[in-house]
Amino acid sequence: MGYAVVLGEALVDLLETGRDGELIYRQAIGGAPLNVAVGATRLGGDVQYVGSLGNDTLGDRIAAFLRESGVGTTAMTRVGVPTTLAVTTFEGAEPTFQFYGEPPSYSLVKADDVDEAMVAGAAVLYAGSIALMREPFVSAARKAWAVPGPLRVFDPNVRPKLLPDAAAVDGLRDLVEGFFATADLVKLSSADADVLWEGAGPAAAAEHILQLGARAVVVTCGSKGAYVATADGAGMLPAPAVEAVDATGAGDSVMGALVRRLLADGIPADLAGWQAYVTFALAVAGLVCERPGGAVAMPTYEELSARWGALI
């Protein structure tokens, strides 16, 4: 089993909650790619994280958390700006994010920071999420994506608060479709599909992404499960029933679990193989939803076995 390289943002979520009748904001380390890196690592994967952290106290905490979680940080860079904050409000268990910090601390990885030999030696390369909306990070990601060798997995992780108008949506669509065209796996949410293609459902979005060139597409649909599509077929998989308290990081945990399975067993031979991977990933996400917030909620394999038993 080889290692994965994960490119993208790390930041601090401020999660809105109540305590003693007062509205407060609980600090949590997050960022979709960081969540993916931690999720895959906690399931036994070997992951190297490529990203930029603010050179401040919050950046120190993120760096320490990554090291304590077992994520490789030799390719991580520190930058002289404050750590980006994502103020997170909820409708039920579903989070909405508002970002603070300019320039974003997470977007300052440069193309020269990408170690092409490290990428070429990886079994899996992950890219995606909001860091791709800014330079110099997008140039760094494109450089890594062009290195031959690893399986390529991508998650657009659309954040409507960062898309002020139709032109911004069009620009993001063009950007992510360029990555979709050469991806071995695209994972996105039904909400992502709705924004990118003006109300497209999971089936239509997946078919479009396959036609662009992706090998497999997984569209997560919250408590309904996930739609899985490949060239030889497609279908919906149910999510396990849980009492969700916080869905922050649930979609990222699906990607982390899929990265872990790709590291262990490579690309599935057919739709049934992908469905087995996604069933495992939905079990991971279900457990994440039963816990409060983000990267700290990512489970170990032992915790999964204790919770789900034969399901995984």
Protein backbone atom coordinates (compact mmCIF):
# COMPACT_ATOMS: atom_id res chain seq x y z
CA MET A 1 0.00 0.00 0.00
CA GLY A 2 1.39 3.39 -1.01
CA TYR A 3 0.70 6.88 0.26
CA ALA A 4 -1.67 9.68 -0.67
CA VAL A 5 -0.87 13.34 -1.28
CA VAL A 6 -3.65 15.74 -0.24
CA LEU A 7 -3.58 19.35 -1.46
CA GLY A 8 -5.83 22.07 -0.12
CA GLU A 9 -6.95 24.26 2.73
CA ALA A 10 -6.61 24.03 6.47
CA LEU A 11 -8.39 26.61 8.61
CA VAL A 12 -10.27 27.08 11.86
CA ASP A 13 -14.03 26.65 12.03
CA LEU A 14 -15.95 28.71 14.58
CA LEU A 15 -19.02 26.54 15.16
CA GLU A 16 -22.13 28.33 16.38
CA THR A 17 -23.68 26.72 19.44
CA GLY A 18 -25.50 27.61 22.63
CA ARG A 19 -24.30 27.30 26.20
CA ASP A 20 -26.16 28.44 29.32
CA GLY A 21 -28.55 30.47 27.19
CA GLU A 22 -25.72 32.30 25.41
CA LEU A 23 -24.70 32.05 21.74
CA ILE A 24 -21.03 31.07 21.52
CA TYR A 25 -18.60 29.88 18.84
CA ARG A 26 -16.63 26.70 19.46
CA GLN A 27 -13.23 26.44 17.82
CA ALA A 28 -12.59 23.41 15.59
CA ILE A 29 -9.76 22.64 13.18
CA GLY A 30 -11.10 22.07 9.69
CA GLY A 31 -10.94 22.67 5.98
CA ALA A 32 -12.18 19.95 3.63
CA PRO A 33 -8.75 18.71 2.45
CA LEU A 34 -7.42 18.66 6.01
CA ASN A 35 -10.48 16.63 6.99
CA VAL A 36 -9.79 14.22 4.14
CA ALA A 37 -6.16 13.85 5.18
CA VAL A 38 -7.07 13.18 8.81
CA GLY A 39 -9.96 10.89 7.86
CA ALA A 40 -7.81 8.67 5.63
CA THR A 41 -4.99 8.61 8.19
CA ARG A 42 -7.24 7.59 11.09
CA LEU A 43 -8.46 4.68 8.98
CA GLY A 44 -4.88 3.48 8.60
CA GLY A 45 -3.72 5.32 5.48
CA ASP A 46 -0.39 7.07 4.91
CA VAL A 47 -1.05 10.69 3.91
CA GLN A 48 1.17 13.66 3.10
CA TYR A 49 -0.54 17.04 3.40
CA VAL A 50 0.40 19.90 1.06
CA GLY A 51 -0.98 23.24 2.22
CA SER A 52 -0.18 26.63 3.73
CA LEU A 53 -0.83 27.57 7.36
CA GLY A 54 -0.83 31.00 8.93
CA ASN A 55 2.25 31.75 11.00
CA ASP A 56 0.23 32.44 14.15
CA THR A 57 -1.14 30.64 17.21
CA LEU A 58 -4.02 29.09 15.30
CA GLY A 59 -1.63 27.89 12.60
CA ASP A 60 0.51 26.33 15.33
CA ARG A 61 -2.54 24.48 16.62
CA ILE A 62 -3.40 23.16 13.17
CA ALA A 63 0.18 22.00 12.61
CA ALA A 64 0.25 20.24 15.99
CA PHE A 65 -3.11 18.59 15.31
CA LEU A 66 -1.91 17.25 11.95
CA ARG A 67 1.24 15.80 13.52
CA GLU A 68 -0.70 14.28 16.41
CA SER A 69 -3.13 12.74 13.92
CA GLY A 70 -0.26 11.09 12.06
CA VAL A 71 -0.56 13.15 8.87
CA GLY A 72 2.75 13.87 7.13
CA THR A 73 3.60 17.57 7.14
CA THR A 74 7.02 17.79 5.48
CA ALA A 75 5.45 19.48 2.43
CA MET A 76 3.42 21.95 4.49
CA THR A 77 4.39 25.64 4.38
CA ARG A 78 3.89 28.49 6.87
CA VAL A 79 2.93 31.95 5.65
CA GLY A 80 2.93 35.37 7.29
CA VAL A 81 -0.82 36.02 7.37
CA PRO A 82 -3.47 35.27 10.01
CA THR A 83 -5.18 31.90 9.86
CA THR A 84 -8.46 31.96 7.92
CA LEU A 85 -11.62 31.58 10.00
CA ALA A 86 -14.84 29.91 8.83
CA VAL A 87 -17.81 31.01 10.93
CA THR A 88 -20.21 28.09 10.80
CA THR A 89 -23.96 28.33 11.39
CA PHE A 90 -26.44 25.47 11.23
CA GLU A 91 -29.87 24.54 9.93
CA GLY A 92 -30.43 21.36 11.89
CA ALA A 93 -27.17 19.43 11.53
CA GLU A 94 -26.24 21.00 8.15
CA PRO A 95 -23.53 23.69 8.26
CA THR A 96 -23.24 26.97 6.34
CA PHE A 97 -19.88 28.76 6.19
CA GLN A 98 -18.79 32.40 6.08
CA PHE A 99 -15.04 32.93 5.59
CA TYR A 100 -12.82 35.62 7.11
CA GLY A 101 -9.21 36.49 6.26
CA GLU A 102 -7.62 38.22 3.27
CA PRO A 103 -5.53 36.89 1.68
CA PRO A 104 -6.70 33.44 2.76
CA SER A 105 -3.91 31.71 4.67
CA TYR A 106 -4.79 28.45 2.90
CA SER A 107 -4.30 29.70 -0.66
CA LEU A 108 -0.60 30.64 -0.57
CA VAL A 109 1.03 27.36 -1.65
CA LYS A 110 3.05 28.14 -4.79
CA ALA A 111 3.84 25.92 -7.76
CA ASP A 112 7.49 25.89 -6.63
CA ASP A 113 6.34 24.36 -3.32
CA VAL A 114 5.08 21.23 -5.08
CA ASP A 115 7.54 18.33 -4.83
CA GLU A 116 6.99 16.55 -8.14
CA ALA A 117 8.92 13.48 -7.02
CA MET A 118 6.69 13.12 -3.96
CA VAL A 119 3.57 13.44 -6.12
CA ALA A 120 4.88 10.99 -8.73
CA GLY A 121 5.58 8.43 -6.01
CA ALA A 122 2.10 8.66 -4.53
CA ALA A 123 -0.61 6.06 -5.08
CA VAL A 124 -3.37 8.68 -4.79
CA LEU A 125 -3.46 12.45 -5.33
CA TYR A 126 -6.35 14.48 -3.92
CA ALA A 127 -7.10 18.06 -4.99
CA GLY A 128 -10.11 20.27 -4.69
CA SER A 129 -12.14 22.61 -2.50
CA ILE A 130 -12.04 26.34 -1.98
CA ALA A 131 -8.26 26.77 -2.15
CA LEU A 132 -8.59 26.20 -5.90
CA MET A 133 -10.46 29.48 -6.25
CA ARG A 134 -7.32 31.51 -5.54
CA GLU A 135 -3.82 31.97 -6.88
CA PRO A 136 -1.13 30.90 -6.31
CA PHE A 137 -2.75 27.70 -5.04
CA VAL A 138 -4.56 26.84 -8.27
CA SER A 139 -1.27 26.92 -10.19
CA ALA A 140 0.29 24.63 -7.59
CA ALA A 141 -2.62 22.21 -7.87
CA ARG A 142 -2.47 22.18 -11.66
CA LYS A 143 1.24 21.42 -11.51
CA ALA A 144 0.65 18.50 -9.15
CA TRP A 145 -2.33 17.25 -11.19
CA ALA A 146 -0.16 17.09 -14.33
CA VAL A 147 2.42 14.77 -12.70
CA PRO A 148 1.93 11.22 -14.04
CA GLY A 149 1.62 8.32 -11.64
CA PRO A 150 -1.01 8.60 -8.92
CA LEU A 151 -4.73 8.00 -9.10
CA ARG A 152 -6.41 11.41 -9.20
CA VAL A 153 -9.38 12.17 -6.95
CA PHE A 154 -11.21 15.50 -6.86
CA ASP A 155 -13.90 17.24 -4.80
CA PRO A 156 -15.13 20.71 -5.85
CA ASN A 157 -16.63 21.39 -2.36
CA VAL A 158 -18.65 24.38 -3.57
CA ARG A 159 -19.22 27.17 -1.05
CA PRO A 160 -21.98 29.53 -2.30
CA LYS A 161 -20.83 32.33 0.05
CA LEU A 162 -17.66 32.56 -2.08
CA LEU A 163 -19.65 32.85 -5.33
CA PRO A 164 -21.18 36.35 -5.42
CA ASP A 165 -22.70 36.20 -8.89
CA ALA A 166 -23.34 34.08 -11.97
CA ALA A 167 -19.95 34.95 -13.45
CA ALA A 168 -18.24 33.50 -10.37
CA VAL A 169 -20.26 30.29 -10.71
CA ASP A 170 -19.34 30.07 -14.40
CA GLY A 171 -15.67 30.55 -13.56
CA LEU A 172 -15.70 27.86 -10.90
CA ARG A 173 -17.54 25.46 -13.21
CA ASP A 174 -14.91 25.93 -15.92
CA LEU A 175 -12.13 25.42 -13.39
CA VAL A 176 -13.43 22.23 -11.81
CA GLU A 177 -14.50 20.68 -15.10
CA GLY A 178 -10.88 20.92 -16.22
CA PHE A 179 -9.94 18.69 -13.28
CA PHE A 180 -12.95 16.39 -13.73
CA ALA A 181 -11.80 15.53 -17.26
CA THR A 182 -8.76 13.57 -16.04
CA ALA A 183 -9.99 12.39 -12.64
CA ASP A 184 -10.20 8.74 -11.64
CA LEU A 185 -12.80 9.69 -9.03
CA VAL A 186 -14.94 12.79 -8.55
CA LYS A 187 -16.81 13.12 -5.26
CA LEU A 188 -19.29 15.98 -4.89
CA SER A 189 -22.48 16.71 -3.00
CA SER A 190 -25.95 17.09 -4.44
CA ALA A 191 -25.78 20.71 -3.26
CA ASP A 192 -22.56 21.17 -5.29
CA ALA A 193 -24.32 19.80 -8.38
CA ASP A 194 -27.28 22.10 -7.83
CA VAL A 195 -25.02 25.18 -7.82
CA LEU A 196 -22.68 24.17 -10.64
CA TRP A 197 -25.32 23.09 -13.16
CA GLU A 198 -28.40 25.14 -12.26
CA GLY A 199 -30.48 22.61 -10.38
CA ALA A 200 -29.00 19.40 -11.83
CA GLY A 201 -29.80 16.29 -9.83
CA PRO A 202 -27.26 13.59 -8.92
CA ALA A 203 -27.89 11.43 -11.99
CA ALA A 204 -27.60 14.29 -14.49
CA ALA A 205 -24.52 15.70 -12.79
CA ALA A 206 -22.80 12.32 -12.65
CA GLU A 207 -23.54 11.60 -16.32
CA HIS A 208 -22.11 14.99 -17.31
CA ILE A 209 -18.93 14.42 -15.28
CA LEU A 210 -18.46 10.94 -16.79
CA GLN A 211 -18.85 12.41 -20.27
CA LEU A 212 -16.12 14.93 -19.45
CA GLY A 213 -13.76 12.01 -18.83
CA ALA A 214 -13.91 11.02 -15.15
CA ARG A 215 -13.73 7.29 -14.42
CA ALA A 216 -16.17 7.23 -11.49
CA VAL A 217 -18.48 9.74 -9.78
CA VAL A 218 -19.93 9.69 -6.27
CA VAL A 219 -22.63 12.24 -5.44
CA THR A 220 -23.40 12.40 -1.73
CA CYS A 221 -27.02 13.17 -0.85
CA GLY A 222 -26.95 13.68 2.92
CA SER A 223 -29.16 11.31 4.88
CA LYS A 224 -30.46 9.81 1.60
CA GLY A 225 -27.08 8.20 0.85
CA ALA A 226 -25.01 8.52 -2.31
CA TYR A 227 -25.40 8.11 -6.06
CA VAL A 228 -22.56 6.10 -7.63
CA ALA A 229 -21.89 6.18 -11.38
CA THR A 230 -19.35 4.56 -13.68
CA ALA A 231 -19.23 3.73 -17.37
CA ASP A 232 -20.91 0.37 -16.70
CA GLY A 233 -23.86 1.62 -14.66
CA ALA A 234 -25.15 3.75 -11.81
CA GLY A 235 -27.33 3.54 -8.74
CA MET A 236 -28.28 4.99 -5.38
CA LEU A 237 -26.94 3.57 -2.12
CA PRO A 238 -28.73 4.25 1.18
CA ALA A 239 -26.98 5.83 4.14
CA PRO A 240 -27.13 4.06 7.49
CA ALA A 241 -29.69 5.50 9.88
CA VAL A 242 -28.13 7.78 12.51
CA GLU A 243 -29.15 10.49 14.94
CA ALA A 244 -27.13 13.32 13.39
CA VAL A 245 -25.86 16.05 15.70
CA ASP A 246 -23.37 17.74 13.35
CA ALA A 247 -22.82 17.02 9.65
CA THR A 248 -19.63 19.13 9.48
CA GLY A 249 -17.00 17.07 7.69
CA ALA A 250 -19.36 14.23 6.74
CA GLY A 251 -18.77 14.64 3.01
CA ASP A 252 -15.04 14.94 3.62
CA SER A 253 -15.12 11.72 5.62
CA VAL A 254 -16.64 9.99 2.57
CA MET A 255 -13.68 11.15 0.50
CA GLY A 256 -11.21 10.20 3.23
CA ALA A 257 -12.69 6.70 3.38
CA LEU A 258 -12.57 6.38 -0.42
CA VAL A 259 -8.93 7.50 -0.46
CA ARG A 260 -8.20 4.86 2.17
CA ARG A 261 -9.84 2.13 0.11
CA LEU A 262 -8.01 3.24 -3.04
CA LEU A 263 -4.71 3.08 -1.14
CA ALA A 264 -5.49 -0.42 0.08
CA ASP A 265 -7.07 -1.99 -2.99
CA GLY A 266 -6.72 0.35 -5.98
CA ILE A 267 -9.39 1.15 -8.56
CA PRO A 268 -12.41 -1.19 -8.42
CA ALA A 269 -12.98 -3.36 -11.46
CA ASP A 270 -16.66 -2.49 -11.85
CA LEU A 271 -19.67 -0.64 -10.44
CA ALA A 272 -20.17 -3.26 -7.73
CA GLY A 273 -16.65 -2.65 -6.50
CA TRP A 274 -17.24 1.10 -6.32
CA GLN A 275 -20.50 0.49 -4.49
CA ALA A 276 -18.67 -1.59 -1.88
CA TYR A 277 -16.22 1.28 -1.36
CA VAL A 278 -19.05 3.79 -1.02
CA THR A 279 -21.00 1.60 1.42
CA PHE A 280 -17.92 1.64 3.63
CA ALA A 281 -17.56 5.41 3.19
CA LEU A 282 -21.20 6.05 4.13
CA ALA A 283 -20.70 4.09 7.34
CA VAL A 284 -17.77 6.37 8.14
CA ALA A 285 -19.88 9.46 7.43
CA GLY A 286 -22.72 8.17 9.60
CA LEU A 287 -20.42 7.88 12.57
CA VAL A 288 -19.00 11.37 11.91
CA CYS A 289 -22.54 12.81 11.95
CA GLU A 290 -23.11 11.37 15.41
CA ARG A 291 -20.21 13.44 16.78
CA PRO A 292 -19.62 17.18 17.06
CA GLY A 293 -17.53 18.64 14.37
CA GLY A 294 -15.07 18.28 11.61
CA ALA A 295 -11.62 16.73 11.74
CA VAL A 296 -11.85 15.67 15.39
CA ALA A 297 -14.88 13.52 14.51
CA MET A 298 -13.01 11.32 12.03
CA PRO A 299 -13.14 7.72 13.29
CA THR A 300 -10.63 4.90 13.48
CA TYR A 301 -11.35 1.51 11.92
CA GLU A 302 -11.81 0.08 15.40
CA GLU A 303 -14.49 2.66 16.18
CA LEU A 304 -16.24 1.83 12.91
CA SER A 305 -16.22 -1.87 13.69
CA ALA A 306 -17.61 -1.24 17.16
CA ARG A 307 -20.42 0.94 15.74
CA TRP A 308 -21.39 -0.93 12.57
CA GLY A 309 -20.02 -4.46 12.87
CA ALA A 310 -20.79 -6.50 9.76
CA LEU A 311 -21.84 -3.40 7.75
CA ILE A 312 -18.22 -2.60 7.01
